[in-house]
Amino acid sequence: MSPGSLLSHVDYRTSRLLDMAAITEAVQRHGAQVVWDLCRSAGVLPIQLGFCQADFDVAAPTST
């Protein structure tokens, strides 16, 4: 199992949106895998998982 990083696509405190493609490429270049937390962006923002070649992603419904 290779080392990995768990990153949130959108920061819940600041609403900062991370560049998934650039960060995924940088993490993978160092031999690690990346897991993207899409809980705050899935269904709200367009996300191209195939384009950014994420290793894993997770999204869960949020309560309102």
N, C-alpha and C. Protein backbone atom coordinates (compact mmCIF):
# COMPACT_ATOMS: atom_id res chain seq x y z
N MET A 1 0.85 -1.17 0.00
CA MET A 1 0.00 0.00 0.00
C MET A 1 0.89 1.24 0.00
N SER A 2 0.63 2.16 -0.89
CA SER A 2 1.44 3.38 -0.97
C SER A 2 0.89 4.45 -0.02
N PRO A 3 1.74 5.40 0.35
CA PRO A 3 1.25 6.50 1.19
C PRO A 3 0.23 7.32 0.43
N GLY A 4 -0.55 8.09 1.14
CA GLY A 4 -1.58 8.86 0.47
C GLY A 4 -1.91 10.15 1.18
N SER A 5 -2.75 10.92 0.52
CA SER A 5 -3.23 12.20 1.05
C SER A 5 -4.74 12.24 0.94
N LEU A 6 -5.39 12.76 1.96
CA LEU A 6 -6.83 12.99 1.94
C LEU A 6 -7.03 14.49 1.91
N LEU A 7 -7.66 14.98 0.85
CA LEU A 7 -7.83 16.41 0.67
C LEU A 7 -9.29 16.75 0.40
N SER A 8 -9.73 17.88 0.91
CA SER A 8 -11.08 18.37 0.63
C SER A 8 -11.04 19.27 -0.59
N HIS A 9 -11.95 19.04 -1.52
CA HIS A 9 -12.04 19.85 -2.74
C HIS A 9 -12.37 21.30 -2.39
N VAL A 10 -13.25 21.50 -1.41
CA VAL A 10 -13.65 22.83 -0.97
C VAL A 10 -13.43 22.94 0.54
N ASP A 11 -12.73 23.99 0.96
CA ASP A 11 -12.52 24.22 2.39
C ASP A 11 -13.81 24.77 2.99
N TYR A 12 -14.34 24.11 3.99
CA TYR A 12 -15.63 24.51 4.56
C TYR A 12 -15.56 25.83 5.32
N ARG A 13 -14.37 26.23 5.74
CA ARG A 13 -14.25 27.50 6.48
C ARG A 13 -14.10 28.70 5.57
N THR A 14 -13.36 28.54 4.48
CA THR A 14 -13.05 29.68 3.61
C THR A 14 -13.72 29.60 2.24
N SER A 15 -14.27 28.45 1.89
CA SER A 15 -14.85 28.19 0.55
C SER A 15 -13.78 28.14 -0.54
N ARG A 16 -12.53 28.01 -0.16
CA ARG A 16 -11.44 27.92 -1.14
C ARG A 16 -11.57 26.63 -1.92
N LEU A 17 -11.48 26.74 -3.22
CA LEU A 17 -11.58 25.60 -4.13
C LEU A 17 -10.17 25.20 -4.56
N LEU A 18 -9.80 23.95 -4.33
CA LEU A 18 -8.46 23.47 -4.69
C LEU A 18 -8.43 22.98 -6.14
N ASP A 19 -7.29 23.09 -6.77
CA ASP A 19 -7.07 22.63 -8.14
C ASP A 19 -6.80 21.12 -8.09
N MET A 20 -7.85 20.34 -8.30
CA MET A 20 -7.73 18.88 -8.16
C MET A 20 -6.71 18.29 -9.12
N ALA A 21 -6.70 18.73 -10.37
CA ALA A 21 -5.80 18.15 -11.36
C ALA A 21 -4.33 18.41 -11.00
N ALA A 22 -4.00 19.65 -10.65
CA ALA A 22 -2.61 20.00 -10.36
C ALA A 22 -2.13 19.30 -9.08
N ILE A 23 -2.96 19.28 -8.06
CA ILE A 23 -2.56 18.66 -6.80
C ILE A 23 -2.45 17.15 -6.95
N THR A 24 -3.40 16.53 -7.66
CA THR A 24 -3.34 15.08 -7.89
C THR A 24 -2.06 14.71 -8.62
N GLU A 25 -1.72 15.48 -9.64
CA GLU A 25 -0.51 15.20 -10.41
C GLU A 25 0.73 15.31 -9.54
N ALA A 26 0.79 16.32 -8.69
CA ALA A 26 1.95 16.51 -7.81
C ALA A 26 2.07 15.38 -6.79
N VAL A 27 0.95 14.97 -6.21
CA VAL A 27 0.96 13.88 -5.23
C VAL A 27 1.39 12.57 -5.89
N GLN A 28 0.82 12.26 -7.05
CA GLN A 28 1.15 11.02 -7.75
C GLN A 28 2.59 11.02 -8.24
N ARG A 29 3.12 12.17 -8.60
CA ARG A 29 4.51 12.26 -9.05
C ARG A 29 5.47 11.83 -7.94
N HIS A 30 5.05 11.99 -6.69
CA HIS A 30 5.88 11.58 -5.55
C HIS A 30 5.55 10.16 -5.07
N GLY A 31 4.78 9.42 -5.86
CA GLY A 31 4.51 8.02 -5.56
C GLY A 31 3.40 7.77 -4.57
N ALA A 32 2.61 8.77 -4.27
CA ALA A 32 1.51 8.61 -3.32
C ALA A 32 0.18 8.63 -4.05
N GLN A 33 -0.85 8.24 -3.35
CA GLN A 33 -2.20 8.28 -3.89
C GLN A 33 -2.97 9.41 -3.21
N VAL A 34 -4.01 9.87 -3.89
CA VAL A 34 -4.80 10.96 -3.33
C VAL A 34 -6.27 10.53 -3.24
N VAL A 35 -6.88 10.88 -2.12
CA VAL A 35 -8.32 10.67 -1.91
C VAL A 35 -8.93 12.06 -1.79
N TRP A 36 -9.90 12.35 -2.64
CA TRP A 36 -10.58 13.65 -2.61
C TRP A 36 -11.90 13.53 -1.88
N ASP A 37 -12.09 14.42 -0.92
CA ASP A 37 -13.35 14.54 -0.20
C ASP A 37 -14.20 15.54 -0.98
N LEU A 38 -15.27 15.03 -1.59
CA LEU A 38 -16.14 15.86 -2.43
C LEU A 38 -17.47 16.17 -1.76
N CYS A 39 -17.54 15.99 -0.45
CA CYS A 39 -18.80 16.15 0.27
C CYS A 39 -19.40 17.54 0.12
N ARG A 40 -18.59 18.55 -0.02
CA ARG A 40 -19.12 19.91 -0.12
C ARG A 40 -19.21 20.41 -1.55
N SER A 41 -18.73 19.63 -2.51
CA SER A 41 -18.75 20.10 -3.89
C SER A 41 -19.55 19.22 -4.84
N ALA A 42 -19.70 17.95 -4.55
CA ALA A 42 -20.44 17.05 -5.45
C ALA A 42 -21.89 17.50 -5.57
N GLY A 43 -22.34 17.64 -6.78
CA GLY A 43 -23.70 18.06 -7.03
C GLY A 43 -23.90 19.56 -7.03
N VAL A 44 -22.87 20.31 -6.61
CA VAL A 44 -22.95 21.76 -6.57
C VAL A 44 -22.02 22.37 -7.62
N LEU A 45 -20.84 21.79 -7.76
CA LEU A 45 -19.83 22.26 -8.70
C LEU A 45 -19.57 21.18 -9.75
N PRO A 46 -19.20 21.59 -10.96
CA PRO A 46 -18.81 20.59 -11.96
C PRO A 46 -17.46 19.97 -11.56
N ILE A 47 -17.40 18.66 -11.56
CA ILE A 47 -16.18 17.95 -11.18
C ILE A 47 -15.85 16.95 -12.28
N GLN A 48 -14.63 17.00 -12.78
CA GLN A 48 -14.20 16.09 -13.85
C GLN A 48 -13.16 15.13 -13.29
N LEU A 49 -13.64 14.06 -12.66
CA LEU A 49 -12.73 13.10 -12.03
C LEU A 49 -11.82 12.42 -13.03
N GLY A 50 -12.33 12.15 -14.22
CA GLY A 50 -11.49 11.53 -15.25
C GLY A 50 -10.36 12.43 -15.69
N PHE A 51 -10.62 13.72 -15.75
CA PHE A 51 -9.61 14.69 -16.16
C PHE A 51 -8.49 14.78 -15.13
N CYS A 52 -8.84 14.81 -13.86
CA CYS A 52 -7.81 14.99 -12.83
C CYS A 52 -7.17 13.67 -12.42
N GLN A 53 -7.70 12.55 -12.88
CA GLN A 53 -7.14 11.22 -12.62
C GLN A 53 -6.95 10.93 -11.14
N ALA A 54 -7.96 11.28 -10.36
CA ALA A 54 -7.92 11.02 -8.92
C ALA A 54 -7.88 9.52 -8.67
N ASP A 55 -7.17 9.12 -7.63
CA ASP A 55 -7.11 7.70 -7.28
C ASP A 55 -8.41 7.25 -6.63
N PHE A 56 -8.94 8.07 -5.74
CA PHE A 56 -10.18 7.76 -5.03
C PHE A 56 -10.94 9.06 -4.76
N ASP A 57 -12.23 8.93 -4.60
CA ASP A 57 -13.02 10.07 -4.15
C ASP A 57 -14.12 9.57 -3.23
N VAL A 58 -14.58 10.44 -2.39
CA VAL A 58 -15.65 10.11 -1.47
C VAL A 58 -16.60 11.28 -1.42
N ALA A 59 -17.87 10.98 -1.45
CA ALA A 59 -18.91 12.02 -1.31
C ALA A 59 -20.06 11.42 -0.53
N ALA A 60 -20.58 12.17 0.40
CA ALA A 60 -21.70 11.71 1.21
C ALA A 60 -22.75 12.80 1.21
N PRO A 61 -23.99 12.40 1.27
CA PRO A 61 -25.04 13.43 1.32
C PRO A 61 -24.94 14.22 2.62
N THR A 62 -25.28 15.47 2.54
CA THR A 62 -25.28 16.31 3.73
C THR A 62 -26.72 16.56 4.14
N SER A 63 -26.94 16.74 5.41
CA SER A 63 -28.30 17.00 5.88
C SER A 63 -28.58 18.50 5.78
N THR A 64 -29.83 18.84 5.59
CA THR A 64 -30.21 20.24 5.51
C THR A 64 -31.12 20.61 6.65
